[in-house]
Amino acid sequence: NEPFVPRAEKPTLKPIPDDVIHYFSSEPKQTRDG
């Protein structure tokens, strides 16, 4: 039920390093590649 936001043409966030655990909640804020 959340607002639809279309996918951008390229990643908009900084990538996350391979060895970083970036979330412990149910969902991440971003994918590892941004």
Full PDB file with SEQRES, HELIX, SHEET, SSBOND, CRYST1, ORIGX, SCALE, CONECT and MASTER records, all heavy atoms in Angstrom:
SEQRES   1 A   34  ASN GLU PRO PHE VAL PRO ARG ALA GLU LYS PRO THR LEU          
SEQRES   2 A   34  LYS PRO ILE PRO ASP ASP VAL ILE HIS TYR PHE SER SER          
SEQRES   3 A   34  GLU PRO LYS GLN THR ARG ASP GLY                              
CRYST1    1.000    1.000    1.000  90.00  90.00  90.00 P 1           1          
ORIGX1      1.000000  0.000000  0.000000        0.00000                         
ORIGX2      0.000000  1.000000  0.000000        0.00000                         
ORIGX3      0.000000  0.000000  1.000000        0.00000                         
SCALE1      1.000000  0.000000  0.000000        0.00000                         
SCALE2      0.000000  1.000000  0.000000        0.00000                         
SCALE3      0.000000  0.000000  1.000000        0.00000                         
ATOM      1  N   ASN A   1       0.801  -1.224   0.000  1.00  0.00           N  
ATOM      2  CA  ASN A   1       0.000   0.000   0.000  1.00  0.00           C  
ATOM      3  C   ASN A   1       0.835   1.276   0.000  1.00  0.00           C  
ATOM      4  O   ASN A   1       0.288   2.371   0.125  1.00  0.00           O  
ATOM      5  CB  ASN A   1      -0.937  -0.012   1.204  1.00  0.00           C  
ATOM      6  CG  ASN A   1      -1.898  -1.177   1.160  1.00  0.00           C  
ATOM      7  OD1 ASN A   1      -2.356  -1.575   0.090  1.00  0.00           O  
ATOM      8  ND2 ASN A   1      -2.204  -1.754   2.316  1.00  0.00           N  
ATOM      9  N   GLU A   2       2.134   1.149  -0.112  1.00  0.00           N  
ATOM     10  CA  GLU A   2       2.991   2.329  -0.107  1.00  0.00           C  
ATOM     11  C   GLU A   2       3.053   2.955  -1.501  1.00  0.00           C  
ATOM     12  O   GLU A   2       2.781   2.295  -2.511  1.00  0.00           O  
ATOM     13  CB  GLU A   2       4.381   1.948   0.397  1.00  0.00           C  
ATOM     14  CG  GLU A   2       4.339   1.428   1.825  1.00  0.00           C  
ATOM     15  CD  GLU A   2       5.703   1.369   2.477  1.00  0.00           C  
ATOM     16  OE1 GLU A   2       6.606   2.120   2.042  1.00  0.00           O  
ATOM     17  OE2 GLU A   2       5.858   0.579   3.425  1.00  0.00           O  
ATOM     18  N   PRO A   3       3.416   4.222  -1.574  1.00  0.00           N  
ATOM     19  CA  PRO A   3       3.437   4.908  -2.876  1.00  0.00           C  
ATOM     20  C   PRO A   3       4.408   4.238  -3.852  1.00  0.00           C  
ATOM     21  O   PRO A   3       5.493   3.805  -3.469  1.00  0.00           O  
ATOM     22  CB  PRO A   3       3.899   6.323  -2.520  1.00  0.00           C  
ATOM     23  CG  PRO A   3       3.567   6.489  -1.073  1.00  0.00           C  
ATOM     24  CD  PRO A   3       3.729   5.133  -0.454  1.00  0.00           C  
ATOM     25  N   PHE A   4       3.996   4.184  -5.096  1.00  0.00           N  
ATOM     26  CA  PHE A   4       4.851   3.625  -6.140  1.00  0.00           C  
ATOM     27  C   PHE A   4       5.916   4.641  -6.537  1.00  0.00           C  
ATOM     28  O   PHE A   4       5.626   5.810  -6.809  1.00  0.00           O  
ATOM     29  CB  PHE A   4       4.008   3.256  -7.361  1.00  0.00           C  
ATOM     30  CG  PHE A   4       4.825   2.926  -8.578  1.00  0.00           C  
ATOM     31  CD1 PHE A   4       5.506   1.722  -8.660  1.00  0.00           C  
ATOM     32  CD2 PHE A   4       4.930   3.831  -9.629  1.00  0.00           C  
ATOM     33  CE1 PHE A   4       6.271   1.420  -9.790  1.00  0.00           C  
ATOM     34  CE2 PHE A   4       5.684   3.540 -10.755  1.00  0.00           C  
ATOM     35  CZ  PHE A   4       6.358   2.324 -10.833  1.00  0.00           C  
ATOM     36  N   VAL A   5       7.159   4.191  -6.536  1.00  0.00           N  
ATOM     37  CA  VAL A   5       8.279   5.001  -7.006  1.00  0.00           C  
ATOM     38  C   VAL A   5       8.967   4.223  -8.116  1.00  0.00           C  
ATOM     39  O   VAL A   5       9.435   3.105  -7.879  1.00  0.00           O  
ATOM     40  CB  VAL A   5       9.279   5.308  -5.873  1.00  0.00           C  
ATOM     41  CG1 VAL A   5      10.468   6.102  -6.414  1.00  0.00           C  
ATOM     42  CG2 VAL A   5       8.591   6.073  -4.748  1.00  0.00           C  
ATOM     43  N   PRO A   6       9.041   4.746  -9.313  1.00  0.00           N  
ATOM     44  CA  PRO A   6       9.661   3.976 -10.402  1.00  0.00           C  
ATOM     45  C   PRO A   6      11.155   3.789 -10.163  1.00  0.00           C  
ATOM     46  O   PRO A   6      11.813   4.600  -9.507  1.00  0.00           O  
ATOM     47  CB  PRO A   6       9.391   4.839 -11.640  1.00  0.00           C  
ATOM     48  CG  PRO A   6       9.169   6.218 -11.107  1.00  0.00           C  
ATOM     49  CD  PRO A   6       8.537   6.057  -9.760  1.00  0.00           C  
ATOM     50  N   ARG A   7      11.672   2.737 -10.714  1.00  0.00           N  
ATOM     51  CA  ARG A   7      13.099   2.436 -10.597  1.00  0.00           C  
ATOM     52  C   ARG A   7      13.916   3.457 -11.388  1.00  0.00           C  
ATOM     53  O   ARG A   7      13.577   3.799 -12.519  1.00  0.00           O  
ATOM     54  CB  ARG A   7      13.357   1.019 -11.096  1.00  0.00           C  
ATOM     55  CG  ARG A   7      14.775   0.518 -10.906  1.00  0.00           C  
ATOM     56  CD  ARG A   7      14.924  -0.924 -11.366  1.00  0.00           C  
ATOM     57  NE  ARG A   7      14.325  -1.871 -10.419  1.00  0.00           N  
ATOM     58  CZ  ARG A   7      13.233  -2.576 -10.672  1.00  0.00           C  
ATOM     59  NH1 ARG A   7      12.620  -2.455 -11.841  1.00  0.00           N  
ATOM     60  NH2 ARG A   7      12.763  -3.413  -9.774  1.00  0.00           N  
ATOM     61  N   ALA A   8      14.992   3.933 -10.785  1.00  0.00           N  
ATOM     62  CA  ALA A   8      15.876   4.872 -11.467  1.00  0.00           C  
ATOM     63  C   ALA A   8      16.658   4.160 -12.570  1.00  0.00           C  
ATOM     64  O   ALA A   8      16.673   2.925 -12.657  1.00  0.00           O  
ATOM     65  CB  ALA A   8      16.838   5.510 -10.465  1.00  0.00           C  
ATOM     66  N   GLU A   9      17.326   4.935 -13.391  1.00  0.00           N  
ATOM     67  CA  GLU A   9      18.091   4.344 -14.488  1.00  0.00           C  
ATOM     68  C   GLU A   9      19.389   3.708 -14.007  1.00  0.00           C  
ATOM     69  O   GLU A   9      19.954   2.849 -14.699  1.00  0.00           O  
ATOM     70  CB  GLU A   9      18.391   5.411 -15.546  1.00  0.00           C  
ATOM     71  CG  GLU A   9      17.148   5.911 -16.265  1.00  0.00           C  
ATOM     72  CD  GLU A   9      17.480   6.906 -17.356  1.00  0.00           C  
ATOM     73  OE1 GLU A   9      18.691   7.201 -17.547  1.00  0.00           O  
ATOM     74  OE2 GLU A   9      16.553   7.381 -18.031  1.00  0.00           O  
ATOM     75  N   LYS A  10      19.872   4.128 -12.837  1.00  0.00           N  
ATOM     76  CA  LYS A  10      21.106   3.563 -12.294  1.00  0.00           C  
ATOM     77  C   LYS A  10      21.055   3.650 -10.773  1.00  0.00           C  
ATOM     78  O   LYS A  10      20.226   4.398 -10.220  1.00  0.00           O  
ATOM     79  CB  LYS A  10      22.322   4.315 -12.828  1.00  0.00           C  
ATOM     80  CG  LYS A  10      22.346   5.788 -12.483  1.00  0.00           C  
ATOM     81  CD  LYS A  10      23.560   6.468 -13.106  1.00  0.00           C  
ATOM     82  CE  LYS A  10      23.585   7.962 -12.762  1.00  0.00           C  
ATOM     83  NZ  LYS A  10      24.787   8.631 -13.346  1.00  0.00           N  
ATOM     84  N   PRO A  11      21.892   2.913 -10.061  1.00  0.00           N  
ATOM     85  CA  PRO A  11      21.890   2.982  -8.597  1.00  0.00           C  
ATOM     86  C   PRO A  11      22.128   4.409  -8.111  1.00  0.00           C  
ATOM     87  O   PRO A  11      22.925   5.152  -8.703  1.00  0.00           O  
ATOM     88  CB  PRO A  11      23.041   2.059  -8.206  1.00  0.00           C  
ATOM     89  CG  PRO A  11      23.215   1.146  -9.365  1.00  0.00           C  
ATOM     90  CD  PRO A  11      22.868   1.947 -10.578  1.00  0.00           C  
ATOM     91  N   THR A  12      21.440   4.776  -7.046  1.00  0.00           N  
ATOM     92  CA  THR A  12      21.527   6.149  -6.534  1.00  0.00           C  
ATOM     93  C   THR A  12      22.197   6.232  -5.170  1.00  0.00           C  
ATOM     94  O   THR A  12      22.372   7.334  -4.639  1.00  0.00           O  
ATOM     95  CB  THR A  12      20.118   6.754  -6.435  1.00  0.00           C  
ATOM     96  OG1 THR A  12      19.314   5.954  -5.562  1.00  0.00           O  
ATOM     97  CG2 THR A  12      19.463   6.842  -7.806  1.00  0.00           C  
ATOM     98  N   LEU A  13      22.548   5.084  -4.587  1.00  0.00           N  
ATOM     99  CA  LEU A  13      23.143   5.061  -3.254  1.00  0.00           C  
ATOM    100  C   LEU A  13      24.540   4.450  -3.304  1.00  0.00           C  
ATOM    101  O   LEU A  13      24.890   3.730  -4.243  1.00  0.00           O  
ATOM    102  CB  LEU A  13      22.243   4.269  -2.293  1.00  0.00           C  
ATOM    103  CG  LEU A  13      20.815   4.809  -2.147  1.00  0.00           C  
ATOM    104  CD1 LEU A  13      19.967   3.833  -1.347  1.00  0.00           C  
ATOM    105  CD2 LEU A  13      20.815   6.188  -1.491  1.00  0.00           C  
ATOM    106  N   LYS A  14      25.299   4.718  -2.270  1.00  0.00           N  
ATOM    107  CA  LYS A  14      26.666   4.225  -2.194  1.00  0.00           C  
ATOM    108  C   LYS A  14      26.668   2.714  -2.008  1.00  0.00           C  
ATOM    109  O   LYS A  14      25.928   2.186  -1.178  1.00  0.00           O  
ATOM    110  CB  LYS A  14      27.379   4.894  -1.021  1.00  0.00           C  
ATOM    111  CG  LYS A  14      28.847   4.541  -0.898  1.00  0.00           C  
ATOM    112  CD  LYS A  14      29.472   5.295   0.275  1.00  0.00           C  
ATOM    113  CE  LYS A  14      30.944   4.923   0.434  1.00  0.00           C  
ATOM    114  NZ  LYS A  14      31.563   5.660   1.584  1.00  0.00           N  
ATOM    115  N   PRO A  15      27.469   1.968  -2.748  1.00  0.00           N  
ATOM    116  CA  PRO A  15      27.536   0.510  -2.557  1.00  0.00           C  
ATOM    117  C   PRO A  15      28.005   0.145  -1.157  1.00  0.00           C  
ATOM    118  O   PRO A  15      28.690   0.914  -0.482  1.00  0.00           O  
ATOM    119  CB  PRO A  15      28.554   0.071  -3.614  1.00  0.00           C  
ATOM    120  CG  PRO A  15      28.561   1.166  -4.623  1.00  0.00           C  
ATOM    121  CD  PRO A  15      28.314   2.437  -3.862  1.00  0.00           C  
ATOM    122  N   ILE A  16      27.620  -1.056  -0.728  1.00  0.00           N  
ATOM    123  CA  ILE A  16      27.976  -1.561   0.597  1.00  0.00           C  
ATOM    124  C   ILE A  16      29.072  -2.606   0.441  1.00  0.00           C  
ATOM    125  O   ILE A  16      28.930  -3.536  -0.369  1.00  0.00           O  
ATOM    126  CB  ILE A  16      26.738  -2.161   1.289  1.00  0.00           C  
ATOM    127  CG1 ILE A  16      25.673  -1.080   1.495  1.00  0.00           C  
ATOM    128  CG2 ILE A  16      27.111  -2.807   2.617  1.00  0.00           C  
ATOM    129  CD1 ILE A  16      24.335  -1.611   1.930  1.00  0.00           C  
ATOM    130  N   PRO A  17      30.164  -2.496   1.188  1.00  0.00           N  
ATOM    131  CA  PRO A  17      31.260  -3.476   1.066  1.00  0.00           C  
ATOM    132  C   PRO A  17      30.796  -4.899   1.347  1.00  0.00           C  
ATOM    133  O   PRO A  17      29.845  -5.141   2.097  1.00  0.00           O  
ATOM    134  CB  PRO A  17      32.266  -3.000   2.115  1.00  0.00           C  
ATOM    135  CG  PRO A  17      31.977  -1.540   2.299  1.00  0.00           C  
ATOM    136  CD  PRO A  17      30.500  -1.409   2.116  1.00  0.00           C  
ATOM    137  N   ASP A  18      31.512  -5.854   0.755  1.00  0.00           N  
ATOM    138  CA  ASP A  18      31.119  -7.262   0.820  1.00  0.00           C  
ATOM    139  C   ASP A  18      31.013  -7.797   2.234  1.00  0.00           C  
ATOM    140  O   ASP A  18      30.186  -8.668   2.524  1.00  0.00           O  
ATOM    141  CB  ASP A  18      32.113  -8.126   0.036  1.00  0.00           C  
ATOM    142  CG  ASP A  18      32.028  -7.884  -1.458  1.00  0.00           C  
ATOM    143  OD1 ASP A  18      31.130  -7.130  -1.882  1.00  0.00           O  
ATOM    144  OD2 ASP A  18      32.855  -8.455  -2.193  1.00  0.00           O  
ATOM    145  N   ASP A  19      31.876  -7.323   3.147  1.00  0.00           N  
ATOM    146  CA  ASP A  19      31.929  -7.906   4.481  1.00  0.00           C  
ATOM    147  C   ASP A  19      31.113  -7.135   5.515  1.00  0.00           C  
ATOM    148  O   ASP A  19      31.181  -7.428   6.708  1.00  0.00           O  
ATOM    149  CB  ASP A  19      33.383  -8.017   4.957  1.00  0.00           C  
ATOM    150  CG  ASP A  19      34.078  -6.664   5.017  1.00  0.00           C  
ATOM    151  OD1 ASP A  19      33.515  -5.688   4.475  1.00  0.00           O  
ATOM    152  OD2 ASP A  19      35.178  -6.587   5.602  1.00  0.00           O  
ATOM    153  N   VAL A  20      30.320  -6.152   5.082  1.00  0.00           N  
ATOM    154  CA  VAL A  20      29.519  -5.344   5.999  1.00  0.00           C  
ATOM    155  C   VAL A  20      28.114  -5.923   6.122  1.00  0.00           C  
ATOM    156  O   VAL A  20      27.430  -6.153   5.113  1.00  0.00           O  
ATOM    157  CB  VAL A  20      29.451  -3.877   5.524  1.00  0.00           C  
ATOM    158  CG1 VAL A  20      28.451  -3.092   6.369  1.00  0.00           C  
ATOM    159  CG2 VAL A  20      30.821  -3.241   5.592  1.00  0.00           C  
ATOM    160  N   ILE A  21      27.695  -6.177   7.368  1.00  0.00           N  
ATOM    161  CA  ILE A  21      26.306  -6.584   7.636  1.00  0.00           C  
ATOM    162  C   ILE A  21      25.505  -5.299   7.788  1.00  0.00           C  
ATOM    163  O   ILE A  21      25.686  -4.562   8.756  1.00  0.00           O  
ATOM    164  CB  ILE A  21      26.227  -7.450   8.899  1.00  0.00           C  
ATOM    165  CG1 ILE A  21      27.090  -8.708   8.734  1.00  0.00           C  
ATOM    166  CG2 ILE A  21      24.781  -7.812   9.210  1.00  0.00           C  
ATOM    167  CD1 ILE A  21      27.252  -9.519  10.001  1.00  0.00           C  
ATOM    168  N   HIS A  22      24.640  -5.005   6.841  1.00  0.00           N  
ATOM    169  CA  HIS A  22      24.075  -3.658   6.762  1.00  0.00           C  
ATOM    170  C   HIS A  22      22.659  -3.533   7.290  1.00  0.00           C  
ATOM    171  O   HIS A  22      22.093  -2.426   7.275  1.00  0.00           O  
ATOM    172  CB  HIS A  22      24.163  -3.119   5.329  1.00  0.00           C  
ATOM    173  CG  HIS A  22      23.423  -3.912   4.293  1.00  0.00           C  
ATOM    174  ND1 HIS A  22      22.269  -3.476   3.716  1.00  0.00           N  
ATOM    175  CD2 HIS A  22      23.697  -5.110   3.721  1.00  0.00           C  
ATOM    176  CE1 HIS A  22      21.854  -4.359   2.821  1.00  0.00           C  
ATOM    177  NE2 HIS A  22      22.700  -5.362   2.801  1.00  0.00           N  
ATOM    178  N   TYR A  23      22.045  -4.619   7.777  1.00  0.00           N  
ATOM    179  CA  TYR A  23      20.728  -4.476   8.399  1.00  0.00           C  
ATOM    180  C   TYR A  23      20.411  -5.714   9.233  1.00  0.00           C  
ATOM    181  O   TYR A  23      20.856  -6.820   8.924  1.00  0.00           O  
ATOM    182  CB  TYR A  23      19.634  -4.231   7.367  1.00  0.00           C  
ATOM    183  CG  TYR A  23      19.255  -5.425   6.499  1.00  0.00           C  
ATOM    184  CD1 TYR A  23      18.009  -6.041   6.627  1.00  0.00           C  
ATOM    185  CD2 TYR A  23      20.127  -5.918   5.532  1.00  0.00           C  
ATOM    186  CE1 TYR A  23      17.647  -7.118   5.831  1.00  0.00           C  
ATOM    187  CE2 TYR A  23      19.772  -6.988   4.729  1.00  0.00           C  
ATOM    188  CZ  TYR A  23      18.533  -7.581   4.883  1.00  0.00           C  
ATOM    189  OH  TYR A  23      18.183  -8.654   4.088  1.00  0.00           O  
ATOM    190  N   PHE A  24      19.646  -5.503  10.318  1.00  0.00           N  
ATOM    191  CA  PHE A  24      19.162  -6.604  11.149  1.00  0.00           C  
ATOM    192  C   PHE A  24      17.642  -6.568  11.292  1.00  0.00           C  
ATOM    193  O   PHE A  24      17.055  -7.432  11.923  1.00  0.00           O  
ATOM    194  CB  PHE A  24      19.810  -6.554  12.536  1.00  0.00           C  
ATOM    195  CG  PHE A  24      21.207  -7.108  12.560  1.00  0.00           C  
ATOM    196  CD1 PHE A  24      22.297  -6.283  12.396  1.00  0.00           C  
ATOM    197  CD2 PHE A  24      21.421  -8.470  12.732  1.00  0.00           C  
ATOM    198  CE1 PHE A  24      23.587  -6.790  12.411  1.00  0.00           C  
ATOM    199  CE2 PHE A  24      22.705  -8.992  12.749  1.00  0.00           C  
ATOM    200  CZ  PHE A  24      23.791  -8.152  12.596  1.00  0.00           C  
ATOM    201  N   SER A  25      16.995  -5.540  10.744  1.00  0.00           N  
ATOM    202  CA  SER A  25      15.535  -5.507  10.731  1.00  0.00           C  
ATOM    203  C   SER A  25      15.035  -6.415   9.612  1.00  0.00           C  
ATOM    204  O   SER A  25      15.817  -7.098   8.960  1.00  0.00           O  
ATOM    205  CB  SER A  25      15.059  -4.068  10.516  1.00  0.00           C  
ATOM    206  OG  SER A  25      15.560  -3.567   9.292  1.00  0.00           O  
ATOM    207  N   SER A  26      13.738  -6.402   9.377  1.00  0.00           N  
ATOM    208  CA  SER A  26      13.184  -7.305   8.367  1.00  0.00           C  
ATOM    209  C   SER A  26      13.571  -6.931   6.944  1.00  0.00           C  
ATOM    210  O   SER A  26      13.592  -7.784   6.070  1.00  0.00           O  
ATOM    211  CB  SER A  26      11.655  -7.355   8.481  1.00  0.00           C  
ATOM    212  OG  SER A  26      11.266  -7.955   9.700  1.00  0.00           O  
ATOM    213  N   GLU A  27      13.854  -5.655   6.696  1.00  0.00           N  
ATOM    214  CA  GLU A  27      14.160  -5.246   5.328  1.00  0.00           C  
ATOM    215  C   GLU A  27      15.349  -4.302   5.300  1.00  0.00           C  
ATOM    216  O   GLU A  27      15.578  -3.531   6.238  1.00  0.00           O  
ATOM    217  CB  GLU A  27      12.959  -4.571   4.680  1.00  0.00           C  
ATOM    218  CG  GLU A  27      12.650  -3.189   5.231  1.00  0.00           C  
ATOM    219  CD  GLU A  27      11.619  -2.446   4.407  1.00  0.00           C  
ATOM    220  OE1 GLU A  27      10.426  -2.598   4.705  1.00  0.00           O  
ATOM    221  OE2 GLU A  27      12.013  -1.714   3.485  1.00  0.00           O  
ATOM    222  N   PRO A  28      16.121  -4.347   4.235  1.00  0.00           N  
ATOM    223  CA  PRO A  28      17.217  -3.389   4.063  1.00  0.00           C  
ATOM    224  C   PRO A  28      16.689  -2.069   3.517  1.00  0.00           C  
ATOM    225  O   PRO A  28      15.571  -1.983   3.025  1.00  0.00           O  
ATOM    226  CB  PRO A  28      18.121  -4.085   3.041  1.00  0.00           C  
ATOM    227  CG  PRO A  28      17.152  -4.873   2.210  1.00  0.00           C  
ATOM    228  CD  PRO A  28      16.059  -5.320   3.143  1.00  0.00           C  
ATOM    229  N   LYS A  29      17.522  -1.031   3.591  1.00  0.00           N  
ATOM    230  CA  LYS A  29      17.173   0.260   2.969  1.00  0.00           C  
ATOM    231  C   LYS A  29      17.589   0.291   1.505  1.00  0.00           C  
ATOM    232  O   LYS A  29      17.070   1.095   0.730  1.00  0.00           O  
ATOM    233  CB  LYS A  29      17.846   1.406   3.723  1.00  0.00           C  
ATOM    234  CG  LYS A  29      17.450   1.493   5.189  1.00  0.00           C  
ATOM    235  CD  LYS A  29      15.964   1.710   5.365  1.00  0.00           C  
ATOM    236  CE  LYS A  29      15.596   1.844   6.833  1.00  0.00           C  
ATOM    237  NZ  LYS A  29      14.117   1.952   7.027  1.00  0.00           N  
ATOM    238  N   GLN A  30      18.532  -0.575   1.139  1.00  0.00           N  
ATOM    239  CA  GLN A  30      19.043  -0.579  -0.227  1.00  0.00           C  
ATOM    240  C   GLN A  30      19.630  -1.952  -0.517  1.00  0.00           C  
ATOM    241  O   GLN A  30      19.845  -2.760   0.375  1.00  0.00           O  
ATOM    242  CB  GLN A  30      20.140   0.473  -0.382  1.00  0.00           C  
ATOM    243  CG  GLN A  30      21.394   0.177   0.443  1.00  0.00           C  
ATOM    244  CD  GLN A  30      22.545   1.111   0.141  1.00  0.00           C  
ATOM    245  OE1 GLN A  30      22.633   2.190   0.730  1.00  0.00           O  
ATOM    246  NE2 GLN A  30      23.406   0.702  -0.774  1.00  0.00           N  
ATOM    247  N   THR A  31      19.889  -2.194  -1.790  1.00  0.00           N  
ATOM    248  CA  THR A  31      20.632  -3.389  -2.155  1.00  0.00           C  
ATOM    249  C   THR A  31      22.123  -3.125  -1.942  1.00  0.00           C  
ATOM    250  O   THR A  31      22.557  -1.975  -1.805  1.00  0.00           O  
ATOM    251  CB  THR A  31      20.397  -3.766  -3.622  1.00  0.00           C  
ATOM    252  OG1 THR A  31      20.934  -2.741  -4.458  1.00  0.00           O  
ATOM    253  CG2 THR A  31      18.907  -3.946  -3.897  1.00  0.00           C  
ATOM    254  N   ARG A  32      22.880  -4.173  -1.949  1.00  0.00           N  
ATOM    255  CA  ARG A  32      24.309  -4.034  -1.697  1.00  0.00           C  
ATOM    256  C   ARG A  32      25.000  -3.213  -2.800  1.00  0.00           C  
ATOM    257  O   ARG A  32      26.015  -2.556  -2.551  1.00  0.00           O  
ATOM    258  CB  ARG A  32      24.946  -5.422  -1.569  1.00  0.00           C  
ATOM    259  CG  ARG A  32      26.297  -5.426  -0.893  1.00  0.00           C  
ATOM    260  CD  ARG A  32      26.712  -6.826  -0.515  1.00  0.00           C  
ATOM    261  NE  ARG A  32      26.028  -7.306   0.665  1.00  0.00           N  
ATOM    262  CZ  ARG A  32      26.466  -7.097   1.913  1.00  0.00           C  
ATOM    263  NH1 ARG A  32      27.573  -6.422   2.126  1.00  0.00           N  
ATOM    264  NH2 ARG A  32      25.795  -7.579   2.933  1.00  0.00           N  
ATOM    265  N   ASP A  33      24.452  -3.220  -4.014  1.00  0.00           N  
ATOM    266  CA  ASP A  33      25.071  -2.462  -5.102  1.00  0.00           C  
ATOM    267  C   ASP A  33      24.447  -1.082  -5.312  1.00  0.00           C  
ATOM    268  O   ASP A  33      24.694  -0.428  -6.337  1.00  0.00           O  
ATOM    269  CB  ASP A  33      25.053  -3.253  -6.408  1.00  0.00           C  
ATOM    270  CG  ASP A  33      23.657  -3.712  -6.797  1.00  0.00           C  
ATOM    271  OD1 ASP A  33      22.707  -3.476  -6.029  1.00  0.00           O  
ATOM    272  OD2 ASP A  33      23.513  -4.323  -7.872  1.00  0.00           O  
ATOM    273  N   GLY A  34      23.616  -0.618  -4.342  1.00  0.00           N  
ATOM    274  CA  GLY A  34      23.213   0.783  -4.352  1.00  0.00           C  
ATOM    275  C   GLY A  34      21.827   1.118  -4.844  1.00  0.00           C  
ATOM    276  O   GLY A  34      21.484   2.302  -4.963  1.00  0.00           O  
TER     277      GLY A  34                                                      
MASTER        0    0    0    0    0    0    0    6  276    1    0    3          
END                                                                             
